[in-house]
Amino acid sequence: MLITRRLGHEPALATDDAARALAAHDWTRPDGALFGYFPVARGNPFQDMLYSRLRPGGLTPLPTYDLATTGQVASMVAGAGVDFVVHLHWLNFVLAKAPDETDARGRVKAFLDELAQLCDTGARLLWTVHNILPHETRYPDLDAGLRQGVVSLAERVHVMSPRTRELVAPWFDIPAHKELSVPHPCYQDAYPSWMPRAQARAELGLPDGVTVFLLLGRVQPYKGITELLDAFDRLCEREPGRYALLVAGPAGAEPETLAFRDRLRAHPTAHASLRKIPVEEMQVYLRAADIAVLPYRRSLNSGARALALTFGLPAVVRDDAAPGLRLEANHTLRYDGRTAHGDPAYTGGTLVDSTAANSTAGSVDGLLEALGEAGRVLTTPQARASAAATAARLAPARVSAAFAAAVREWLGLEVAAEHLPKHIQGQDPEHVQGGTP
């Protein structure tokens, strides 16, 4: 038989694909469930990794792409005697095309009304909190209200950082009894990783004798790009010839981003590839770097951090960053508005609570000291080994098996060891989840 397409990869055929997936579901198994999800992110392997161990747990994943198709699938399975879980991910699409606030308010109401109708069919809603709010939201109050409405309709809310409820509290409330906690997986085997450091640096024109900081992913103001370049400038003035900055990812059109781009182009020790990095090229930038930098002004979870860990890269993050970024260990150096402080194994000091300054100047001061300290303590084999060990604890198979077990527990289905991968059997679910090393 000639294979002409892959199921679940063409939105126009989503309903037909769902029907085929339903036909392939093991309907003889009394403890199974169907697992529809949307939006579908093909450019990021996150969903494929998270769902990779659903089938052994009796859960059949169905990419449904949008709310309308999800409703059609719900009608197809209504009365079939099997749970239909609807897993909702990013909510940016709801207001992305709203021309003004009045229209945006109408879109929020329409989406929540349709979502409520879906739940009325018996669908069981699960929502993953990827971000506090969209990074460049134009209607923060409406985005917050949208999320509160989704939380109200959801039976469970999947959180990937243990302090999620606290961090989103200024915008919306997640009841404790609705939490389903499973961490963000790392990216083992999702990207090629065979290239040695020397080859990566040669391809990018980077000298061997410098410490390379890497900012990876879409270049946007919320990532603290101005503070980063200000601090890097001062670091190069203080220790000339020792450091390089590598920026890899597409740049937005915001005025701050355009100014950052122009400064990069004129900088003698900054190197930038301001485009979407193909999967096969990702390893070049990650292998060439020594330390990831994530000076985000506001963030909850970070795929860039998980990817850096996967390649054994230590990181510099803000002291008030979410735990999904911090993952406290001897491969992470934190900074506040004034100082840098890493694991006691490095500094001999004591970790302190966040005192992050709100001013850009304060952030630059702290980031400057953190970059300098990182250049001394995070470039060791021990730091890289620690990052890689954390990534191993958050490997996709482990995280997905924990996710499947958590979903089955929520649905009241027995979590039988034979339905989980062998390397998960006999381990405590809390331990399987990974989290803080």
Protein backbone atom coordinates (compact mmCIF):
# COMPACT_ATOMS: atom_id res chain seq x y z
CA MET A 1 0.00 0.00 0.00
CA LEU A 2 1.33 3.42 -0.95
CA ILE A 3 1.50 5.84 1.99
CA THR A 4 0.36 9.22 0.71
CA ARG A 5 0.08 11.10 4.00
CA ARG A 6 0.44 10.82 7.75
CA LEU A 7 -2.68 10.83 9.86
CA GLY A 8 -3.06 13.86 12.06
CA HIS A 9 -0.92 16.18 9.95
CA GLU A 10 -3.46 17.88 7.66
CA PRO A 11 -5.96 20.20 9.36
CA ALA A 12 -8.40 20.04 6.43
CA LEU A 13 -8.73 16.29 7.00
CA ALA A 14 -8.95 16.46 10.79
CA THR A 15 -12.45 14.98 11.05
CA ASP A 16 -11.58 12.08 8.76
CA ASP A 17 -8.34 11.48 10.67
CA ALA A 18 -10.26 11.51 13.96
CA ALA A 19 -12.68 8.90 12.61
CA ARG A 20 -9.76 6.67 11.64
CA ALA A 21 -8.13 7.10 15.03
CA LEU A 22 -11.42 6.23 16.72
CA ALA A 23 -11.68 3.09 14.62
CA ALA A 24 -8.16 2.12 15.70
CA HIS A 25 -8.93 2.68 19.39
CA ASP A 26 -9.03 -0.49 21.53
CA TRP A 27 -12.74 -0.45 22.33
CA THR A 28 -12.47 -3.81 24.12
CA ARG A 29 -10.46 -2.18 26.85
CA PRO A 30 -12.78 -0.91 29.61
CA ASP A 31 -10.21 1.42 31.12
CA GLY A 32 -9.30 3.45 28.04
CA ALA A 33 -10.14 6.99 26.96
CA LEU A 34 -9.99 9.20 23.88
CA PHE A 35 -7.74 12.24 24.03
CA GLY A 36 -8.54 15.09 21.64
CA TYR A 37 -6.20 18.09 21.66
CA PHE A 38 -5.90 21.53 20.10
CA PRO A 39 -4.35 23.81 18.94
CA VAL A 40 -1.84 21.49 17.27
CA ALA A 41 1.77 22.74 17.26
CA ARG A 42 3.76 21.01 14.54
CA GLY A 43 6.79 23.29 14.76
CA ASN A 44 7.43 22.33 18.38
CA PRO A 45 7.77 18.65 19.37
CA PHE A 46 6.29 19.37 22.82
CA GLN A 47 2.93 17.71 22.16
CA ASP A 48 4.44 14.67 20.45
CA MET A 49 6.75 14.20 23.45
CA LEU A 50 4.03 14.73 26.04
CA TYR A 51 1.71 12.24 24.32
CA SER A 52 4.34 9.64 23.41
CA ARG A 53 3.30 7.27 26.22
CA LEU A 54 -0.46 7.80 26.14
CA ARG A 55 -1.28 4.71 24.07
CA PRO A 56 0.40 2.24 26.48
CA GLY A 57 -1.76 3.87 29.16
CA GLY A 58 -4.95 3.20 27.17
CA LEU A 59 -5.34 6.79 25.96
CA THR A 60 -5.74 7.40 22.20
CA PRO A 61 -4.51 10.88 21.15
CA LEU A 62 -6.54 12.69 18.47
CA PRO A 63 -5.30 16.00 16.99
CA THR A 64 -8.52 17.98 16.50
CA TYR A 65 -6.97 21.36 15.56
CA ASP A 66 -9.84 23.67 16.55
CA LEU A 67 -12.94 23.95 18.68
CA ALA A 68 -15.39 23.24 15.84
CA THR A 69 -13.70 19.97 14.85
CA THR A 70 -13.39 18.98 18.49
CA GLY A 71 -17.15 19.43 18.83
CA GLN A 72 -17.73 17.17 15.83
CA VAL A 73 -15.55 14.46 17.36
CA ALA A 74 -17.41 14.84 20.67
CA SER A 75 -20.68 14.19 18.81
CA MET A 76 -19.16 11.12 17.13
CA VAL A 77 -18.26 9.50 20.46
CA ALA A 78 -21.21 10.69 22.56
CA GLY A 79 -22.88 7.71 24.20
CA ALA A 80 -20.05 5.32 23.28
CA GLY A 81 -19.29 4.64 26.93
CA VAL A 82 -15.74 5.96 26.82
CA ASP A 83 -14.31 9.16 28.29
CA PHE A 84 -13.50 11.87 25.77
CA VAL A 85 -10.82 14.17 27.15
CA VAL A 86 -10.36 17.54 25.45
CA HIS A 87 -6.86 18.87 26.07
CA LEU A 88 -6.68 22.60 25.41
CA HIS A 89 -3.27 24.22 24.99
CA TRP A 90 -2.31 27.77 23.98
CA LEU A 91 -5.12 30.35 23.97
CA ASN A 92 -3.38 33.06 21.94
CA PHE A 93 -5.50 32.27 18.86
CA VAL A 94 -8.72 33.47 20.51
CA LEU A 95 -7.75 37.16 20.40
CA ALA A 96 -4.96 37.09 17.81
CA LYS A 97 -7.09 38.65 15.04
CA ALA A 98 -9.27 40.95 17.14
CA PRO A 99 -9.14 44.45 15.58
CA ASP A 100 -10.27 46.26 18.73
CA GLU A 101 -11.30 45.71 22.35
CA THR A 102 -15.02 45.45 21.61
CA ASP A 103 -14.43 42.72 19.07
CA ALA A 104 -11.99 41.00 21.44
CA ARG A 105 -14.60 40.94 24.20
CA GLY A 106 -17.06 39.30 21.82
CA ARG A 107 -14.50 36.69 20.83
CA VAL A 108 -13.87 35.75 24.45
CA LYS A 109 -17.59 35.30 25.11
CA ALA A 110 -18.14 33.29 21.93
CA PHE A 111 -15.22 30.97 22.66
CA LEU A 112 -16.24 30.33 26.25
CA ASP A 113 -19.87 29.74 25.24
CA GLU A 114 -18.83 27.20 22.62
CA LEU A 115 -16.42 25.56 25.05
CA ALA A 116 -19.21 25.26 27.62
CA GLN A 117 -21.45 23.61 25.00
CA LEU A 118 -18.65 21.14 24.31
CA CYS A 119 -18.41 20.29 28.00
CA ASP A 120 -22.19 19.83 28.10
CA THR A 121 -21.80 16.93 25.64
CA GLY A 122 -19.81 15.07 28.29
CA ALA A 123 -16.33 16.06 27.14
CA ARG A 124 -13.89 16.37 30.05
CA LEU A 125 -11.74 19.47 29.75
CA LEU A 126 -8.05 19.65 30.62
CA TRP A 127 -6.08 22.87 30.08
CA THR A 128 -2.29 23.27 30.09
CA VAL A 129 -1.00 26.62 31.38
CA HIS A 130 1.89 27.40 29.04
CA ASN A 131 2.23 31.11 29.84
CA ILE A 132 0.78 33.53 32.37
CA LEU A 133 -0.59 35.68 29.54
CA PRO A 134 0.43 35.92 25.88
CA HIS A 135 3.84 37.56 25.76
CA GLU A 136 2.65 40.51 23.68
CA THR A 137 -0.98 40.69 24.73
CA ARG A 138 -2.92 43.77 23.64
CA TYR A 139 -5.84 43.11 25.98
CA PRO A 140 -4.40 41.81 29.27
CA ASP A 141 -7.66 42.06 31.20
CA LEU A 142 -9.58 40.17 28.52
CA ASP A 143 -6.83 37.55 28.23
CA ALA A 144 -6.96 37.13 31.99
CA GLY A 145 -10.76 36.78 31.90
CA LEU A 146 -10.50 34.23 29.10
CA ARG A 147 -8.16 32.11 31.21
CA GLN A 148 -10.36 32.38 34.27
CA GLY A 149 -13.31 31.22 32.18
CA VAL A 150 -11.34 28.23 30.89
CA VAL A 151 -10.27 27.32 34.44
CA SER A 152 -13.91 27.42 35.53
CA LEU A 153 -14.92 24.97 32.80
CA ALA A 154 -11.90 22.69 33.13
CA GLU A 155 -11.94 19.65 35.40
CA ARG A 156 -8.16 19.76 35.63
CA VAL A 157 -5.47 22.34 34.90
CA HIS A 158 -2.08 20.97 33.88
CA VAL A 159 0.75 22.98 35.45
CA MET A 160 4.41 22.44 34.66
CA SER A 161 5.93 24.60 37.41
CA PRO A 162 5.15 24.02 41.10
CA ARG A 163 4.54 27.75 41.77
CA THR A 164 2.17 28.24 38.83
CA ARG A 165 -0.86 29.03 41.03
CA GLU A 166 1.12 31.70 42.86
CA LEU A 167 2.57 33.27 39.72
CA VAL A 168 -0.72 33.50 37.81
CA ALA A 169 -2.69 34.67 40.86
CA PRO A 170 -2.54 38.40 39.95
CA TRP A 171 -4.39 37.53 36.73
CA PHE A 172 -6.53 34.45 37.40
CA ASP A 173 -7.08 31.81 40.06
CA ILE A 174 -6.49 28.08 39.76
CA PRO A 175 -8.19 26.10 42.56
CA ALA A 176 -5.75 23.72 44.20
CA HIS A 177 -8.04 20.72 43.69
CA LYS A 178 -7.92 21.21 39.91
CA GLU A 179 -4.13 21.06 39.61
CA LEU A 180 -2.56 18.25 37.60
CA SER A 181 1.20 18.71 38.00
CA VAL A 182 3.64 17.21 35.48
CA PRO A 183 6.80 19.07 34.37
CA HIS A 184 7.86 20.25 30.93
CA PRO A 185 9.83 17.48 29.19
CA CYS A 186 13.30 17.98 27.82
CA TYR A 187 14.04 17.23 24.18
CA GLN A 188 16.12 14.05 24.05
CA ASP A 189 16.12 12.58 20.52
CA ALA A 190 13.91 15.39 19.21
CA TYR A 191 16.88 17.19 17.60
CA PRO A 192 20.09 15.87 16.04
CA SER A 193 22.95 16.11 18.55
CA TRP A 194 26.00 14.46 17.01
CA MET A 195 28.06 17.56 16.15
CA PRO A 196 31.21 18.22 18.21
CA ARG A 197 31.81 21.67 19.64
CA ALA A 198 34.83 22.41 17.45
CA GLN A 199 32.86 21.80 14.25
CA ALA A 200 29.91 23.89 15.47
CA ARG A 201 32.14 26.83 16.28
CA ALA A 202 33.98 26.52 12.98
CA GLU A 203 30.69 26.61 11.06
CA LEU A 204 29.61 29.78 12.89
CA GLY A 205 33.00 31.47 12.81
CA LEU A 206 33.37 31.49 16.59
CA PRO A 207 36.86 31.23 18.12
CA ASP A 208 37.63 28.39 20.52
CA GLY A 209 39.08 30.51 23.29
CA VAL A 210 35.99 32.52 24.27
CA THR A 211 33.00 31.83 26.49
CA VAL A 212 29.85 31.90 24.35
CA PHE A 213 26.49 32.97 25.80
CA LEU A 214 23.44 31.80 23.85
CA LEU A 215 20.02 33.44 23.55
CA LEU A 216 17.89 30.91 21.69
CA GLY A 217 14.41 31.20 20.23
CA ARG A 218 12.16 33.97 19.01
CA VAL A 219 13.68 37.39 19.74
CA GLN A 220 11.11 39.52 21.56
CA PRO A 221 11.24 42.28 24.19
CA TYR A 222 9.82 40.13 27.02
CA LYS A 223 13.03 38.09 26.94
CA GLY A 224 15.00 41.02 28.35
CA ILE A 225 16.96 41.56 25.15
CA THR A 226 17.91 45.17 25.87
CA GLU A 227 19.14 44.40 29.38
CA LEU A 228 21.12 41.46 28.02
CA LEU A 229 22.96 43.49 25.41
CA ASP A 230 23.58 46.35 27.86
CA ALA A 231 25.08 43.93 30.37
CA PHE A 232 27.09 42.12 27.70
CA ASP A 233 28.53 45.44 26.47
CA ARG A 234 29.74 46.27 29.96
CA LEU A 235 31.14 42.77 30.45
CA CYS A 236 33.17 43.07 27.25
CA GLU A 237 34.51 46.45 28.36
CA ARG A 238 35.56 44.94 31.69
CA GLU A 239 37.05 41.74 30.24
CA PRO A 240 37.77 42.34 26.54
CA GLY A 241 38.32 39.39 24.26
CA ARG A 242 36.93 36.79 26.64
CA TYR A 243 33.24 36.54 25.68
CA ALA A 244 30.91 36.25 22.69
CA LEU A 245 27.12 36.50 22.47
CA LEU A 246 25.25 34.18 20.11
CA VAL A 247 21.61 34.96 19.22
CA ALA A 248 19.64 32.39 17.23
CA GLY A 249 15.98 32.79 16.33
CA PRO A 250 13.55 34.91 14.31
CA ALA A 251 13.23 38.56 15.31
CA GLY A 252 9.90 40.33 15.74
CA ALA A 253 9.05 43.77 14.37
CA GLU A 254 8.68 45.58 17.72
CA PRO A 255 10.71 48.83 17.96
CA GLU A 256 12.77 47.42 20.82
CA THR A 257 13.54 44.27 18.84
CA LEU A 258 14.55 46.27 15.77
CA ALA A 259 16.87 48.40 17.90
CA PHE A 260 18.35 45.22 19.39
CA ARG A 261 18.88 43.83 15.89
CA ASP A 262 20.71 46.97 14.75
CA ARG A 263 22.98 46.88 17.80
CA LEU A 264 23.78 43.22 17.19
CA ARG A 265 24.78 43.89 13.59
CA ALA A 266 27.26 46.54 14.70
CA HIS A 267 28.64 44.63 17.69
CA PRO A 268 32.16 43.22 17.27
CA THR A 269 31.64 40.17 19.52
CA ALA A 270 27.95 39.43 19.00
CA HIS A 271 26.88 36.89 16.39
CA ALA A 272 23.29 36.54 15.25
CA SER A 273 21.19 34.32 13.01
CA LEU A 274 17.87 36.14 13.13
CA ARG A 275 15.68 33.57 11.40
CA LYS A 276 13.74 30.45 12.24
CA ILE A 277 16.38 27.83 12.93
CA PRO A 278 15.63 24.52 11.15
CA VAL A 279 15.54 21.39 13.28
CA GLU A 280 18.67 20.01 11.64
CA GLU A 281 20.62 23.22 12.43
CA MET A 282 19.60 23.62 16.07
CA GLN A 283 22.52 21.54 17.30
CA VAL A 284 25.04 23.89 15.65
CA TYR A 285 24.09 26.76 17.97
CA LEU A 286 23.62 24.62 21.07
CA ARG A 287 26.92 22.79 20.59
CA ALA A 288 28.79 26.03 19.93
CA ALA A 289 27.60 27.67 23.16
CA ASP A 290 28.85 27.39 26.73
CA ILE A 291 25.99 28.97 28.68
CA ALA A 292 22.35 29.75 27.92
CA VAL A 293 21.03 33.15 29.00
CA LEU A 294 17.34 33.59 29.84
CA PRO A 295 16.91 37.06 31.37
CA TYR A 296 13.16 37.00 30.75
CA ARG A 297 11.13 39.82 32.26
CA ARG A 298 8.12 37.52 32.66
CA SER A 299 7.86 33.84 31.94
CA LEU A 300 6.30 30.68 33.33
CA ASN A 301 7.73 27.76 31.33
CA SER A 302 10.49 27.74 28.77
CA GLY A 303 11.10 25.36 25.91
CA ALA A 304 14.42 27.13 25.33
CA ARG A 305 15.51 26.25 28.88
CA ALA A 306 14.48 22.62 28.40
CA LEU A 307 16.35 22.50 25.10
CA ALA A 308 19.48 24.00 26.67
CA LEU A 309 19.39 21.37 29.42
CA THR A 310 19.04 18.65 26.79
CA PHE A 311 22.34 19.73 25.27
CA GLY A 312 24.01 20.01 28.68
CA LEU A 313 24.05 23.80 28.77
CA PRO A 314 24.09 25.56 32.17
CA ALA A 315 22.03 28.75 32.33
CA VAL A 316 21.76 32.24 33.77
CA VAL A 317 18.22 33.24 34.80
CA ARG A 318 16.56 35.98 36.79
CA ASP A 319 16.13 35.31 40.49
CA ASP A 320 12.38 35.87 40.17
CA ALA A 321 12.04 33.53 37.21
CA ALA A 322 9.46 30.80 37.45
CA PRO A 323 10.67 27.40 38.69
CA GLY A 324 10.19 26.04 35.19
CA LEU A 325 13.13 28.24 34.22
CA ARG A 326 15.16 27.95 37.40
CA LEU A 327 15.32 24.22 38.19
CA GLU A 328 17.67 25.03 41.06
CA ALA A 329 20.89 23.03 40.85
CA ASN A 330 24.57 23.52 40.26
CA HIS A 331 23.94 24.23 36.59
CA THR A 332 21.85 27.38 37.14
CA LEU A 333 23.11 30.79 38.23
CA ARG A 334 20.48 33.28 39.36
CA TYR A 335 20.70 37.03 39.66
CA ASP A 336 18.58 39.77 41.17
CA GLY A 337 18.66 43.50 40.57
CA ARG A 338 22.12 43.86 42.10
CA THR A 339 23.96 40.60 42.57
CA ALA A 340 24.49 37.10 41.25
CA HIS A 341 24.12 33.99 43.37
CA GLY A 342 24.47 30.41 42.31
CA ASP A 343 24.50 27.10 44.06
CA PRO A 344 26.53 27.14 47.33
CA ALA A 345 28.94 24.69 45.68
CA TYR A 346 30.03 27.59 43.50
CA THR A 347 29.86 30.69 45.62
CA GLY A 348 30.21 29.43 49.15
CA GLY A 349 27.26 31.64 50.00
CA THR A 350 23.60 31.11 50.75
CA LEU A 351 20.79 31.32 48.24
CA VAL A 352 18.56 34.28 49.00
CA ASP A 353 14.99 35.17 48.20
CA SER A 354 14.24 37.19 45.10
CA THR A 355 14.92 40.91 45.35
CA ALA A 356 14.77 41.56 41.64
CA ALA A 357 14.82 45.24 40.81
CA ASN A 358 12.02 46.61 38.69
CA SER A 359 14.27 49.11 36.97
CA THR A 360 16.18 48.23 33.84
CA ALA A 361 19.36 49.66 35.36
CA GLY A 362 19.06 47.38 38.36
CA SER A 363 18.42 44.39 36.14
CA VAL A 364 21.48 45.22 34.04
CA ASP A 365 23.69 45.48 37.13
CA GLY A 366 22.59 42.08 38.36
CA LEU A 367 22.84 40.49 34.94
CA LEU A 368 26.33 41.92 34.44
CA GLU A 369 27.56 40.29 37.63
CA ALA A 370 25.75 37.05 36.78
CA LEU A 371 27.36 36.81 33.34
CA GLY A 372 30.81 37.39 34.81
CA GLU A 373 30.26 34.83 37.56
CA ALA A 374 28.80 32.33 35.08
CA GLY A 375 31.91 32.65 32.93
CA ARG A 376 33.92 31.46 35.91
CA VAL A 377 31.71 28.75 37.45
CA LEU A 378 29.38 27.42 34.77
CA THR A 379 31.94 26.47 32.14
CA THR A 380 33.12 23.35 33.96
CA PRO A 381 32.49 19.73 32.96
CA GLN A 382 30.67 19.31 36.28
CA ALA A 383 28.17 22.05 35.42
CA ARG A 384 27.45 20.55 32.02
CA ALA A 385 27.09 17.08 33.53
CA SER A 386 24.61 18.43 36.07
CA ALA A 387 22.52 20.03 33.31
CA ALA A 388 22.54 16.79 31.31
CA ALA A 389 21.56 14.78 34.40
CA THR A 390 18.57 17.05 35.00
CA ALA A 391 17.56 16.66 31.36
CA ALA A 392 17.70 12.88 31.77
CA ARG A 393 15.31 13.09 34.72
CA LEU A 394 12.95 15.07 32.50
CA ALA A 395 13.27 12.81 29.47
CA PRO A 396 10.14 12.65 27.28
CA ALA A 397 9.38 9.00 28.05
CA ARG A 398 9.50 9.60 31.80
CA VAL A 399 7.43 12.78 31.70
CA SER A 400 4.88 11.33 29.27
CA ALA A 401 4.44 8.20 31.40
CA ALA A 402 3.88 10.39 34.46
CA PHE A 403 1.38 12.49 32.48
CA ALA A 404 -0.52 9.38 31.36
CA ALA A 405 -0.64 8.10 34.93
CA ALA A 406 -1.87 11.47 36.24
CA VAL A 407 -4.62 11.63 33.60
CA ARG A 408 -5.74 8.09 34.35
CA GLU A 409 -5.85 8.87 38.07
CA TRP A 410 -7.98 11.95 37.39
CA LEU A 411 -10.37 9.92 35.21
CA GLY A 412 -10.67 7.27 37.90
CA LEU A 413 -8.97 4.64 35.76
CA GLU A 414 -6.67 2.14 37.40
CA VAL A 415 -3.01 3.00 36.88
CA ALA A 416 -1.74 -0.51 36.12
CA ALA A 417 2.02 -1.06 35.88
CA GLU A 418 1.68 -3.07 32.69
CA HIS A 419 0.27 0.00 30.94
CA LEU A 420 3.41 2.02 31.63
CA PRO A 421 6.90 1.70 30.12
CA LYS A 422 9.03 -0.84 31.97
CA HIS A 423 11.54 1.72 33.23
CA ILE A 424 8.68 3.55 34.99
CA GLN A 425 7.20 0.53 36.75
CA GLY A 426 7.72 0.39 40.47
CA GLN A 427 8.73 4.06 40.77
CA ASP A 428 6.90 6.57 42.87
CA PRO A 429 4.84 8.93 40.63
CA GLU A 430 6.25 11.97 42.42
CA HIS A 431 9.75 10.80 41.64
CA VAL A 432 8.84 10.06 38.04
CA GLN A 433 7.66 13.65 37.60
CA GLY A 434 11.20 14.93 38.06
CA GLY A 435 11.17 18.59 39.11
CA THR A 436 13.76 20.20 41.34
CA PRO A 437 16.98 18.16 41.36
